[in-house]
Amino acid sequence: MANLPIPPTVITESVDKAEDAVGEYQEAIFKPLYTSKARGMAPIKDGPTARQEIENFKRHNPIMYIQKKIDLPGYDLGLAFLGGEHLATYARSTIPTLQHHHSQRRQIYPLRAD
């Protein structure tokens, strides 16, 4: 897993530590430990409502997996692992395609690491 660019990450059960991470990152993505297709993820920005948003997320996710939000306009990168081995990286896009210019249809783009 070395040489994979992973955003700064905090894993905690503490609302205080989660709030510190959001303050440091300015915006963070809170992720359930077990999910697929970005289900259950919550972006939380630093600000007056951050603590309440963190507490709401924690109600359903006692262990919070928190990553700094990386600016990838229109894209979300996903990495697939099996048994600790990196299998694939892909990008999901919500940018409308020419065929579907009126929709927000998701497109999947496999990426190769050279």
PDB file of N, CA and C in Angstrom:
ATOM      1  N   MET A   1       0.813  -1.176   0.000  1.00  0.00           N
ATOM      2  CA  MET A   1       0.000   0.000   0.000  1.00  0.00           C
ATOM      3  C   MET A   1       0.864   1.250   0.000  1.00  0.00           C
ATOM      4  N   ALA A   2       2.149   1.074   0.062  1.00  0.00           N
ATOM      5  CA  ALA A   2       3.040   2.227   0.014  1.00  0.00           C
ATOM      6  C   ALA A   2       2.901   2.925  -1.327  1.00  0.00           C
ATOM      7  N   ASN A   3       3.190   4.190  -1.356  1.00  0.00           N
ATOM      8  CA  ASN A   3       3.150   5.022  -2.555  1.00  0.00           C
ATOM      9  C   ASN A   3       1.744   5.331  -3.065  1.00  0.00           C
ATOM     10  N   LEU A   4       0.703   4.972  -2.315  1.00  0.00           N
ATOM     11  CA  LEU A   4      -0.642   5.368  -2.693  1.00  0.00           C
ATOM     12  C   LEU A   4      -0.951   6.697  -2.017  1.00  0.00           C
ATOM     13  N   PRO A   5      -1.397   7.697  -2.776  1.00  0.00           N
ATOM     14  CA  PRO A   5      -1.693   8.996  -2.170  1.00  0.00           C
ATOM     15  C   PRO A   5      -3.032   8.966  -1.430  1.00  0.00           C
ATOM     16  N   ILE A   6      -2.987   8.821  -0.127  1.00  0.00           N
ATOM     17  CA  ILE A   6      -4.177   8.757   0.704  1.00  0.00           C
ATOM     18  C   ILE A   6      -4.316  10.092   1.433  1.00  0.00           C
ATOM     19  N   PRO A   7      -5.492  10.709   1.427  1.00  0.00           N
ATOM     20  CA  PRO A   7      -5.667  11.972   2.152  1.00  0.00           C
ATOM     21  C   PRO A   7      -5.419  11.777   3.648  1.00  0.00           C
ATOM     22  N   PRO A   8      -5.040  12.850   4.357  1.00  0.00           N
ATOM     23  CA  PRO A   8      -4.901  12.745   5.816  1.00  0.00           C
ATOM     24  C   PRO A   8      -6.175  12.138   6.409  1.00  0.00           C
ATOM     25  N   THR A   9      -5.978  11.212   7.354  1.00  0.00           N
ATOM     26  CA  THR A   9      -7.087  10.413   7.879  1.00  0.00           C
ATOM     27  C   THR A   9      -7.031  10.328   9.395  1.00  0.00           C
ATOM     28  N   VAL A  10      -8.203  10.376  10.036  1.00  0.00           N
ATOM     29  CA  VAL A  10      -8.348  10.160  11.469  1.00  0.00           C
ATOM     30  C   VAL A  10      -9.433   9.108  11.654  1.00  0.00           C
ATOM     31  N   ILE A  11      -9.171   8.138  12.523  1.00  0.00           N
ATOM     32  CA  ILE A  11     -10.181   7.152  12.902  1.00  0.00           C
ATOM     33  C   ILE A  11     -10.365   7.288  14.405  1.00  0.00           C
ATOM     34  N   THR A  12     -11.599   7.572  14.822  1.00  0.00           N
ATOM     35  CA  THR A  12     -11.831   7.846  16.231  1.00  0.00           C
ATOM     36  C   THR A  12     -13.264   7.542  16.636  1.00  0.00           C
ATOM     37  N   GLU A  13     -13.464   7.353  17.929  1.00  0.00           N
ATOM     38  CA  GLU A  13     -14.799   7.262  18.512  1.00  0.00           C
ATOM     39  C   GLU A  13     -15.135   8.555  19.249  1.00  0.00           C
ATOM     40  N   SER A  14     -14.207   9.492  19.296  1.00  0.00           N
ATOM     41  CA  SER A  14     -14.351  10.722  20.066  1.00  0.00           C
ATOM     42  C   SER A  14     -14.893  11.867  19.210  1.00  0.00           C
ATOM     43  N   VAL A  15     -16.004  12.459  19.660  1.00  0.00           N
ATOM     44  CA  VAL A  15     -16.558  13.622  18.968  1.00  0.00           C
ATOM     45  C   VAL A  15     -15.565  14.775  19.035  1.00  0.00           C
ATOM     46  N   ASP A  16     -14.874  14.927  20.170  1.00  0.00           N
ATOM     47  CA  ASP A  16     -13.883  16.008  20.304  1.00  0.00           C
ATOM     48  C   ASP A  16     -12.753  15.861  19.291  1.00  0.00           C
ATOM     49  N   LYS A  17     -12.226  14.641  19.135  1.00  0.00           N
ATOM     50  CA  LYS A  17     -11.145  14.422  18.166  1.00  0.00           C
ATOM     51  C   LYS A  17     -11.649  14.594  16.734  1.00  0.00           C
ATOM     52  N   ALA A  18     -12.873  14.185  16.477  1.00  0.00           N
ATOM     53  CA  ALA A  18     -13.459  14.374  15.144  1.00  0.00           C
ATOM     54  C   ALA A  18     -13.612  15.864  14.851  1.00  0.00           C
ATOM     55  N   GLU A  19     -14.043  16.626  15.851  1.00  0.00           N
ATOM     56  CA  GLU A  19     -14.192  18.072  15.674  1.00  0.00           C
ATOM     57  C   GLU A  19     -12.831  18.734  15.451  1.00  0.00           C
ATOM     58  N   ASP A  20     -11.794  18.258  16.144  1.00  0.00           N
ATOM     59  CA  ASP A  20     -10.434  18.763  15.913  1.00  0.00           C
ATOM     60  C   ASP A  20      -9.993  18.494  14.471  1.00  0.00           C
ATOM     61  N   ALA A  21     -10.303  17.300  13.951  1.00  0.00           N
ATOM     62  CA  ALA A  21      -9.923  16.951  12.579  1.00  0.00           C
ATOM     63  C   ALA A  21     -10.627  17.868  11.581  1.00  0.00           C
ATOM     64  N   VAL A  22     -11.911  18.119  11.795  1.00  0.00           N
ATOM     65  CA  VAL A  22     -12.650  19.004  10.889  1.00  0.00           C
ATOM     66  C   VAL A  22     -12.048  20.409  10.939  1.00  0.00           C
ATOM     67  N   GLY A  23     -11.675  20.866  12.129  1.00  0.00           N
ATOM     68  CA  GLY A  23     -11.040  22.177  12.255  1.00  0.00           C
ATOM     69  C   GLY A  23      -9.719  22.239  11.508  1.00  0.00           C
ATOM     70  N   GLU A  24      -8.946  21.182  11.607  1.00  0.00           N
ATOM     71  CA  GLU A  24      -7.654  21.134  10.918  1.00  0.00           C
ATOM     72  C   GLU A  24      -7.821  21.037   9.400  1.00  0.00           C
ATOM     73  N   TYR A  25      -8.756  20.203   8.944  1.00  0.00           N
ATOM     74  CA  TYR A  25      -8.938  19.967   7.514  1.00  0.00           C
ATOM     75  C   TYR A  25      -9.800  21.034   6.835  1.00  0.00           C
ATOM     76  N   GLN A  26     -10.585  21.775   7.605  1.00  0.00           N
ATOM     77  CA  GLN A  26     -11.560  22.751   7.104  1.00  0.00           C
ATOM     78  C   GLN A  26     -12.798  22.080   6.512  1.00  0.00           C
ATOM     79  N   GLU A  27     -12.628  20.981   5.824  1.00  0.00           N
ATOM     80  CA  GLU A  27     -13.758  20.179   5.356  1.00  0.00           C
ATOM     81  C   GLU A  27     -13.300  18.726   5.312  1.00  0.00           C
ATOM     82  N   ALA A  28     -14.142  17.848   5.842  1.00  0.00           N
ATOM     83  CA  ALA A  28     -13.782  16.435   5.921  1.00  0.00           C
ATOM     84  C   ALA A  28     -14.934  15.577   5.415  1.00  0.00           C
ATOM     85  N   ILE A  29     -14.572  14.381   4.982  1.00  0.00           N
ATOM     86  CA  ILE A  29     -15.565  13.392   4.568  1.00  0.00           C
ATOM     87  C   ILE A  29     -15.598  12.319   5.656  1.00  0.00           C
ATOM     88  N   PHE A  30     -16.772  12.157   6.267  1.00  0.00           N
ATOM     89  CA  PHE A  30     -16.982  11.140   7.291  1.00  0.00           C
ATOM     90  C   PHE A  30     -17.526   9.904   6.593  1.00  0.00           C
ATOM     91  N   LYS A  31     -16.891   8.756   6.860  1.00  0.00           N
ATOM     92  CA  LYS A  31     -17.240   7.529   6.149  1.00  0.00           C
ATOM     93  C   LYS A  31     -17.566   6.416   7.130  1.00  0.00           C
ATOM     94  N   PRO A  32     -18.619   5.637   6.837  1.00  0.00           N
ATOM     95  CA  PRO A  32     -18.851   4.427   7.631  1.00  0.00           C
ATOM     96  C   PRO A  32     -17.689   3.458   7.412  1.00  0.00           C
ATOM     97  N   LEU A  33     -17.395   2.643   8.407  1.00  0.00           N
ATOM     98  CA  LEU A  33     -16.309   1.674   8.236  1.00  0.00           C
ATOM     99  C   LEU A  33     -16.623   0.671   7.135  1.00  0.00           C
ATOM    100  N   TYR A  34     -17.878   0.294   7.016  1.00  0.00           N
ATOM    101  CA  TYR A  34     -18.262  -0.692   6.007  1.00  0.00           C
ATOM    102  C   TYR A  34     -19.309  -0.068   5.101  1.00  0.00           C
ATOM    103  N   THR A  35     -18.927   0.180   3.849  1.00  0.00           N
ATOM    104  CA  THR A  35     -19.844   0.777   2.889  1.00  0.00           C
ATOM    105  C   THR A  35     -19.361   0.472   1.485  1.00  0.00           C
ATOM    106  N   SER A  36     -20.200   0.751   0.529  1.00  0.00           N
ATOM    107  CA  SER A  36     -19.792   0.708  -0.869  1.00  0.00           C
ATOM    108  C   SER A  36     -20.573   1.777  -1.608  1.00  0.00           C
ATOM    109  N   LYS A  37     -20.043   2.184  -2.733  1.00  0.00           N
ATOM    110  CA  LYS A  37     -20.685   3.170  -3.592  1.00  0.00           C
ATOM    111  C   LYS A  37     -20.965   4.483  -2.858  1.00  0.00           C
ATOM    112  N   ALA A  38     -20.122   4.851  -1.925  1.00  0.00           N
ATOM    113  CA  ALA A  38     -20.197   6.118  -1.190  1.00  0.00           C
ATOM    114  C   ALA A  38     -21.436   6.230  -0.300  1.00  0.00           C
ATOM    115  N   ARG A  39     -22.125   5.133  -0.034  1.00  0.00           N
ATOM    116  CA  ARG A  39     -23.311   5.180   0.823  1.00  0.00           C
ATOM    117  C   ARG A  39     -22.937   5.534   2.251  1.00  0.00           C
ATOM    118  N   GLY A  40     -23.688   6.462   2.830  1.00  0.00           N
ATOM    119  CA  GLY A  40     -23.499   6.825   4.226  1.00  0.00           C
ATOM    120  C   GLY A  40     -22.407   7.841   4.478  1.00  0.00           C
ATOM    121  N   MET A  41     -21.733   8.299   3.434  1.00  0.00           N
ATOM    122  CA  MET A  41     -20.677   9.304   3.611  1.00  0.00           C
ATOM    123  C   MET A  41     -21.299  10.672   3.836  1.00  0.00           C
ATOM    124  N   ALA A  42     -20.610  11.484   4.657  1.00  0.00           N
ATOM    125  CA  ALA A  42     -21.133  12.813   4.975  1.00  0.00           C
ATOM    126  C   ALA A  42     -20.012  13.839   4.951  1.00  0.00           C
ATOM    127  N   PRO A  43     -20.105  14.842   4.075  1.00  0.00           N
ATOM    128  CA  PRO A  43     -19.130  15.937   4.122  1.00  0.00           C
ATOM    129  C   PRO A  43     -19.500  16.877   5.266  1.00  0.00           C
ATOM    130  N   ILE A  44     -18.522  17.254   6.076  1.00  0.00           N
ATOM    131  CA  ILE A  44     -18.752  18.181   7.189  1.00  0.00           C
ATOM    132  C   ILE A  44     -17.711  19.281   7.124  1.00  0.00           C
ATOM    133  N   LYS A  45     -18.189  20.528   7.082  1.00  0.00           N
ATOM    134  CA  LYS A  45     -17.311  21.705   7.041  1.00  0.00           C
ATOM    135  C   LYS A  45     -17.136  22.263   8.441  1.00  0.00           C
ATOM    136  N   ASP A  46     -15.967  22.872   8.665  1.00  0.00           N
ATOM    137  CA  ASP A  46     -15.706  23.553   9.917  1.00  0.00           C
ATOM    138  C   ASP A  46     -16.687  24.713  10.053  1.00  0.00           C
ATOM    139  N   GLY A  47     -17.271  24.878  11.200  1.00  0.00           N
ATOM    140  CA  GLY A  47     -18.210  25.973  11.407  1.00  0.00           C
ATOM    141  C   GLY A  47     -19.119  25.691  12.594  1.00  0.00           C
ATOM    142  N   PRO A  48     -20.101  26.560  12.794  1.00  0.00           N
ATOM    143  CA  PRO A  48     -20.939  26.478  13.997  1.00  0.00           C
ATOM    144  C   PRO A  48     -21.809  25.225  14.083  1.00  0.00           C
ATOM    145  N   THR A  49     -22.097  24.562  12.963  1.00  0.00           N
ATOM    146  CA  THR A  49     -22.941  23.361  13.007  1.00  0.00           C
ATOM    147  C   THR A  49     -22.130  22.066  12.971  1.00  0.00           C
ATOM    148  N   ALA A  50     -20.810  22.168  12.900  1.00  0.00           N
ATOM    149  CA  ALA A  50     -19.967  20.972  12.723  1.00  0.00           C
ATOM    150  C   ALA A  50     -20.161  19.960  13.849  1.00  0.00           C
ATOM    151  N   ARG A  51     -20.145  20.410  15.101  1.00  0.00           N
ATOM    152  CA  ARG A  51     -20.250  19.461  16.220  1.00  0.00           C
ATOM    153  C   ARG A  51     -21.570  18.689  16.162  1.00  0.00           C
ATOM    154  N   GLN A  52     -22.675  19.374  15.886  1.00  0.00           N
ATOM    155  CA  GLN A  52     -23.977  18.702  15.800  1.00  0.00           C
ATOM    156  C   GLN A  52     -23.990  17.697  14.646  1.00  0.00           C
ATOM    157  N   GLU A  53     -23.396  18.059  13.512  1.00  0.00           N
ATOM    158  CA  GLU A  53     -23.328  17.136  12.372  1.00  0.00           C
ATOM    159  C   GLU A  53     -22.501  15.905  12.731  1.00  0.00           C
ATOM    160  N   ILE A  54     -21.402  16.113  13.457  1.00  0.00           N
ATOM    161  CA  ILE A  54     -20.556  14.990  13.887  1.00  0.00           C
ATOM    162  C   ILE A  54     -21.339  14.079  14.829  1.00  0.00           C
ATOM    163  N   GLU A  55     -22.041  14.674  15.791  1.00  0.00           N
ATOM    164  CA  GLU A  55     -22.834  13.874  16.732  1.00  0.00           C
ATOM    165  C   GLU A  55     -23.920  13.087  15.996  1.00  0.00           C
ATOM    166  N   ASN A  56     -24.548  13.707  14.993  1.00  0.00           N
ATOM    167  CA  ASN A  56     -25.558  12.993  14.194  1.00  0.00           C
ATOM    168  C   ASN A  56     -24.942  11.818  13.451  1.00  0.00           C
ATOM    169  N   PHE A  57     -23.757  12.013  12.853  1.00  0.00           N
ATOM    170  CA  PHE A  57     -23.077  10.936  12.137  1.00  0.00           C
ATOM    171  C   PHE A  57     -22.707   9.802  13.106  1.00  0.00           C
ATOM    172  N   LYS A  58     -22.212  10.167  14.281  1.00  0.00           N
ATOM    173  CA  LYS A  58     -21.759   9.184  15.273  1.00  0.00           C
ATOM    174  C   LYS A  58     -22.900   8.287  15.774  1.00  0.00           C
ATOM    175  N   ARG A  59     -24.117   8.808  15.782  1.00  0.00           N
ATOM    176  CA  ARG A  59     -25.252   7.995  16.239  1.00  0.00           C
ATOM    177  C   ARG A  59     -25.362   6.687  15.463  1.00  0.00           C
ATOM    178  N   HIS A  60     -25.042   6.723  14.189  1.00  0.00           N
ATOM    179  CA  HIS A  60     -25.136   5.519  13.347  1.00  0.00           C
ATOM    180  C   HIS A  60     -23.775   4.896  13.060  1.00  0.00           C
ATOM    181  N   ASN A  61     -22.707   5.609  13.416  1.00  0.00           N
ATOM    182  CA  ASN A  61     -21.335   5.163  13.124  1.00  0.00           C
ATOM    183  C   ASN A  61     -20.445   5.451  14.330  1.00  0.00           C
ATOM    184  N   PRO A  62     -20.460   4.576  15.341  1.00  0.00           N
ATOM    185  CA  PRO A  62     -19.693   4.857  16.551  1.00  0.00           C
ATOM    186  C   PRO A  62     -18.185   4.998  16.316  1.00  0.00           C
ATOM    187  N   ILE A  63     -17.659   4.301  15.320  1.00  0.00           N
ATOM    188  CA  ILE A  63     -16.266   4.493  14.927  1.00  0.00           C
ATOM    189  C   ILE A  63     -16.282   5.343  13.664  1.00  0.00           C
ATOM    190  N   MET A  64     -15.696   6.535  13.757  1.00  0.00           N
ATOM    191  CA  MET A  64     -15.746   7.486  12.642  1.00  0.00           C
ATOM    192  C   MET A  64     -14.441   7.458  11.861  1.00  0.00           C
ATOM    193  N   TYR A  65     -14.557   7.226  10.576  1.00  0.00           N
ATOM    194  CA  TYR A  65     -13.423   7.223   9.647  1.00  0.00           C
ATOM    195  C   TYR A  65     -13.504   8.561   8.917  1.00  0.00           C
ATOM    196  N   ILE A  66     -12.520   9.426   9.134  1.00  0.00           N
ATOM    197  CA  ILE A  66     -12.586  10.812   8.684  1.00  0.00           C
ATOM    198  C   ILE A  66     -11.403  11.116   7.785  1.00  0.00           C
ATOM    199  N   GLN A  67     -11.670  11.632   6.584  1.00  0.00           N
ATOM    200  CA  GLN A  67     -10.584  12.009   5.675  1.00  0.00           C
ATOM    201  C   GLN A  67     -10.747  13.457   5.239  1.00  0.00           C
ATOM    202  N   LYS A  68      -9.616  14.118   5.071  1.00  0.00           N
ATOM    203  CA  LYS A  68      -9.610  15.480   4.547  1.00  0.00           C
ATOM    204  C   LYS A  68     -10.227  15.456   3.159  1.00  0.00           C
ATOM    205  N   LYS A  69     -11.118  16.413   2.891  1.00  0.00           N
ATOM    206  CA  LYS A  69     -11.725  16.503   1.556  1.00  0.00           C
ATOM    207  C   LYS A  69     -10.693  17.061   0.588  1.00  0.00           C
ATOM    208  N   ILE A  70     -10.511  16.351  -0.496  1.00  0.00           N
ATOM    209  CA  ILE A  70      -9.605  16.771  -1.558  1.00  0.00           C
ATOM    210  C   ILE A  70     -10.462  17.346  -2.685  1.00  0.00           C
ATOM    211  N   ASP A  71     -10.055  18.471  -3.226  1.00  0.00           N
ATOM    212  CA  ASP A  71     -10.837  19.137  -4.266  1.00  0.00           C
ATOM    213  C   ASP A  71     -10.644  18.439  -5.610  1.00  0.00           C
ATOM    214  N   LEU A  72     -11.656  17.681  -6.017  1.00  0.00           N
ATOM    215  CA  LEU A  72     -11.691  16.994  -7.312  1.00  0.00           C
ATOM    216  C   LEU A  72     -13.040  17.321  -7.949  1.00  0.00           C
ATOM    217  N   PRO A  73     -13.214  18.543  -8.468  1.00  0.00           N
ATOM    218  CA  PRO A  73     -14.531  18.973  -8.950  1.00  0.00           C
ATOM    219  C   PRO A  73     -15.185  17.973  -9.902  1.00  0.00           C
ATOM    220  N   GLY A  74     -16.362  17.502  -9.492  1.00  0.00           N
ATOM    221  CA  GLY A  74     -17.125  16.587 -10.328  1.00  0.00           C
ATOM    222  C   GLY A  74     -16.707  15.135 -10.238  1.00  0.00           C
ATOM    223  N   TYR A  75     -15.690  14.828  -9.444  1.00  0.00           N
ATOM    224  CA  TYR A  75     -15.190  13.455  -9.366  1.00  0.00           C
ATOM    225  C   TYR A  75     -15.047  12.997  -7.921  1.00  0.00           C
ATOM    226  N   ASP A  76     -15.104  11.712  -7.741  1.00  0.00           N
ATOM    227  CA  ASP A  76     -14.860  11.065  -6.459  1.00  0.00           C
ATOM    228  C   ASP A  76     -13.984   9.859  -6.766  1.00  0.00           C
ATOM    229  N   LEU A  77     -12.829   9.766  -6.134  1.00  0.00           N
ATOM    230  CA  LEU A  77     -11.953   8.615  -6.367  1.00  0.00           C
ATOM    231  C   LEU A  77     -12.283   7.501  -5.395  1.00  0.00           C
ATOM    232  N   GLY A  78     -12.256   6.291  -5.885  1.00  0.00           N
ATOM    233  CA  GLY A  78     -12.460   5.119  -5.050  1.00  0.00           C
ATOM    234  C   GLY A  78     -11.289   4.170  -5.215  1.00  0.00           C
ATOM    235  N   LEU A  79     -10.894   3.528  -4.123  1.00  0.00           N
ATOM    236  CA  LEU A  79      -9.825   2.543  -4.158  1.00  0.00           C
ATOM    237  C   LEU A  79     -10.381   1.223  -3.651  1.00  0.00           C
ATOM    238  N   ALA A  80     -10.034   0.138  -4.305  1.00  0.00           N
ATOM    239  CA  ALA A  80     -10.506  -1.182  -3.903  1.00  0.00           C
ATOM    240  C   ALA A  80      -9.332  -1.997  -3.377  1.00  0.00           C
ATOM    241  N   PHE A  81      -9.539  -2.597  -2.197  1.00  0.00           N
ATOM    242  CA  PHE A  81      -8.524  -3.430  -1.557  1.00  0.00           C
ATOM    243  C   PHE A  81      -9.121  -4.785  -1.242  1.00  0.00           C
ATOM    244  N   LEU A  82      -8.292  -5.801  -1.257  1.00  0.00           N
ATOM    245  CA  LEU A  82      -8.689  -7.133  -0.834  1.00  0.00           C
ATOM    246  C   LEU A  82      -7.517  -7.729  -0.076  1.00  0.00           C
ATOM    247  N   GLY A  83      -7.745  -8.086   1.175  1.00  0.00           N
ATOM    248  CA  GLY A  83      -6.676  -8.656   1.998  1.00  0.00           C
ATOM    249  C   GLY A  83      -5.485  -7.723   2.144  1.00  0.00           C
ATOM    250  N   GLY A  84      -5.741  -6.414   2.173  1.00  0.00           N
ATOM    251  CA  GLY A  84      -4.667  -5.441   2.323  1.00  0.00           C
ATOM    252  C   GLY A  84      -3.923  -5.132   1.038  1.00  0.00           C
ATOM    253  N   GLU A  85      -4.312  -5.769  -0.069  1.00  0.00           N
ATOM    254  CA  GLU A  85      -3.648  -5.535  -1.349  1.00  0.00           C
ATOM    255  C   GLU A  85      -4.505  -4.622  -2.221  1.00  0.00           C
ATOM    256  N   HIS A  86      -3.883  -3.586  -2.787  1.00  0.00           N
ATOM    257  CA  HIS A  86      -4.592  -2.655  -3.660  1.00  0.00           C
ATOM    258  C   HIS A  86      -4.913  -3.340  -4.974  1.00  0.00           C
ATOM    259  N   LEU A  87      -6.206  -3.379  -5.319  1.00  0.00           N
ATOM    260  CA  LEU A  87      -6.634  -4.030  -6.550  1.00  0.00           C
ATOM    261  C   LEU A  87      -6.903  -3.037  -7.679  1.00  0.00           C
ATOM    262  N   ALA A  88      -7.529  -1.909  -7.347  1.00  0.00           N
ATOM    263  CA  ALA A  88      -7.931  -0.988  -8.402  1.00  0.00           C
ATOM    264  C   ALA A  88      -8.228   0.391  -7.832  1.00  0.00           C
ATOM    265  N   THR A  89      -8.134   1.377  -8.697  1.00  0.00           N
ATOM    266  CA  THR A  89      -8.563   2.741  -8.396  1.00  0.00           C
ATOM    267  C   THR A  89      -9.514   3.159  -9.504  1.00  0.00           C
ATOM    268  N   TYR A  90     -10.568   3.854  -9.150  1.00  0.00           N
ATOM    269  CA  TYR A  90     -11.535   4.309 -10.144  1.00  0.00           C
ATOM    270  C   TYR A  90     -12.031   5.693  -9.763  1.00  0.00           C
ATOM    271  N   ALA A  91     -12.535   6.406 -10.752  1.00  0.00           N
ATOM    272  CA  ALA A  91     -13.119   7.728 -10.525  1.00  0.00           C
ATOM    273  C   ALA A  91     -14.589   7.669 -10.889  1.00  0.00           C
ATOM    274  N   ARG A  92     -15.421   8.205 -10.002  1.00  0.00           N
ATOM    275  CA  ARG A  92     -16.841   8.344 -10.301  1.00  0.00           C
ATOM    276  C   ARG A  92     -17.074   9.808 -10.651  1.00  0.00           C
ATOM    277  N   SER A  93     -17.873  10.041 -11.664  1.00  0.00           N
ATOM    278  CA  SER A  93     -18.119  11.409 -12.105  1.00  0.00           C
ATOM    279  C   SER A  93     -19.601  11.722 -12.065  1.00  0.00           C
ATOM    280  N   THR A  94     -19.931  12.933 -11.636  1.00  0.00           N
ATOM    281  CA  THR A  94     -21.310  13.407 -11.718  1.00  0.00           C
ATOM    282  C   THR A  94     -21.416  14.501 -12.769  1.00  0.00           C
ATOM    283  N   ILE A  95     -20.371  14.647 -13.602  1.00  0.00           N
ATOM    284  CA  ILE A  95     -20.406  15.607 -14.702  1.00  0.00           C
ATOM    285  C   ILE A  95     -21.284  15.017 -15.798  1.00  0.00           C
ATOM    286  N   PRO A  96     -22.285  15.757 -16.269  1.00  0.00           N
ATOM    287  CA  PRO A  96     -23.168  15.206 -17.301  1.00  0.00           C
ATOM    288  C   PRO A  96     -22.397  14.835 -18.568  1.00  0.00           C
ATOM    289  N   THR A  97     -22.792  13.729 -19.175  1.00  0.00           N
ATOM    290  CA  THR A  97     -22.184  13.312 -20.436  1.00  0.00           C
ATOM    291  C   THR A  97     -22.955  13.956 -21.590  1.00  0.00           C
ATOM    292  N   LEU A  98     -22.403  13.907 -22.794  1.00  0.00           N
ATOM    293  CA  LEU A  98     -23.105  14.460 -23.954  1.00  0.00           C
ATOM    294  C   LEU A  98     -24.453  13.773 -24.170  1.00  0.00           C
ATOM    295  N   GLN A  99     -24.479  12.462 -23.955  1.00  0.00           N
ATOM    296  CA  GLN A  99     -25.713  11.715 -24.163  1.00  0.00           C
ATOM    297  C   GLN A  99     -26.742  12.001 -23.065  1.00  0.00           C
ATOM    298  N   HIS A 100     -26.285  12.407 -21.910  1.00  0.00           N
ATOM    299  CA  HIS A 100     -27.171  12.601 -20.763  1.00  0.00           C
ATOM    300  C   HIS A 100     -26.953  13.990 -20.168  1.00  0.00           C
ATOM    301  N   HIS A 101     -26.917  15.009 -21.013  1.00  0.00           N
ATOM    302  CA  HIS A 101     -26.561  16.346 -20.553  1.00  0.00           C
ATOM    303  C   HIS A 101     -27.582  16.955 -19.605  1.00  0.00           C
ATOM    304  N   HIS A 102     -28.758  16.393 -19.477  1.00  0.00           N
ATOM    305  CA  HIS A 102     -29.755  16.929 -18.548  1.00  0.00           C
ATOM    306  C   HIS A 102     -29.802  16.130 -17.254  1.00  0.00           C
ATOM    307  N   SER A 103     -28.934  15.163 -17.105  1.00  0.00           N
ATOM    308  CA  SER A 103     -28.982  14.335 -15.903  1.00  0.00           C
ATOM    309  C   SER A 103     -27.657  14.406 -15.158  1.00  0.00           C
ATOM    310  N   GLN A 104     -27.662  13.853 -13.995  1.00  0.00           N
ATOM    311  CA  GLN A 104     -26.444  13.739 -13.205  1.00  0.00           C
ATOM    312  C   GLN A 104     -26.046  12.263 -13.135  1.00  0.00           C
ATOM    313  N   ARG A 105     -26.154  11.563 -14.237  1.00  0.00           N
ATOM    314  CA  ARG A 105     -25.824  10.143 -14.314  1.00  0.00           C
ATOM    315  C   ARG A 105     -24.354   9.932 -13.956  1.00  0.00           C
ATOM    316  N   ARG A 106     -24.108   8.983 -13.075  1.00  0.00           N
ATOM    317  CA  ARG A 106     -22.731   8.692 -12.676  1.00  0.00           C
ATOM    318  C   ARG A 106     -22.049   7.852 -13.735  1.00  0.00           C
ATOM    319  N   GLN A 107     -20.822   8.209 -14.031  1.00  0.00           N
ATOM    320  CA  GLN A 107     -19.978   7.447 -14.939  1.00  0.00           C
ATOM    321  C   GLN A 107     -18.813   6.879 -14.127  1.00  0.00           C
ATOM    322  N   ILE A 108     -18.371   5.688 -14.441  1.00  0.00           N
ATOM    323  CA  ILE A 108     -17.243   5.057 -13.762  1.00  0.00           C
ATOM    324  C   ILE A 108     -16.076   5.006 -14.754  1.00  0.00           C
ATOM    325  N   TYR A 109     -14.914   5.480 -14.316  1.00  0.00           N
ATOM    326  CA  TYR A 109     -13.713   5.497 -15.152  1.00  0.00           C
ATOM    327  C   TYR A 109     -12.618   4.722 -14.444  1.00  0.00           C
ATOM    328  N   PRO A 110     -12.202   3.553 -14.944  1.00  0.00           N
ATOM    329  CA  PRO A 110     -11.087   2.842 -14.314  1.00  0.00           C
ATOM    330  C   PRO A 110      -9.797   3.630 -14.516  1.00  0.00           C
ATOM    331  N   LEU A 111      -8.936   3.642 -13.515  1.00  0.00           N
ATOM    332  CA  LEU A 111      -7.645   4.323 -13.596  1.00  0.00           C
ATOM    333  C   LEU A 111      -6.541   3.303 -13.444  1.00  0.00           C
ATOM    334  N   ARG A 112      -5.432   3.531 -14.139  1.00  0.00           N
ATOM    335  CA  ARG A 112      -4.277   2.641 -14.030  1.00  0.00           C
ATOM    336  C   ARG A 112      -3.143   3.371 -13.348  1.00  0.00           C
ATOM    337  N   ALA A 113      -2.501   2.703 -12.429  1.00  0.00           N
ATOM    338  CA  ALA A 113      -1.312   3.253 -11.798  1.00  0.00           C
ATOM    339  C   ALA A 113      -0.089   2.707 -12.550  1.00  0.00           C
ATOM    340  N   ASP A 114       0.735   3.600 -13.052  1.00  0.00           N
ATOM    341  CA  ASP A 114       1.920   3.151 -13.783  1.00  0.00           C
ATOM    342  C   ASP A 114       3.160   3.230 -12.909  1.00  0.00           C
TER     343      ASP A 114
END
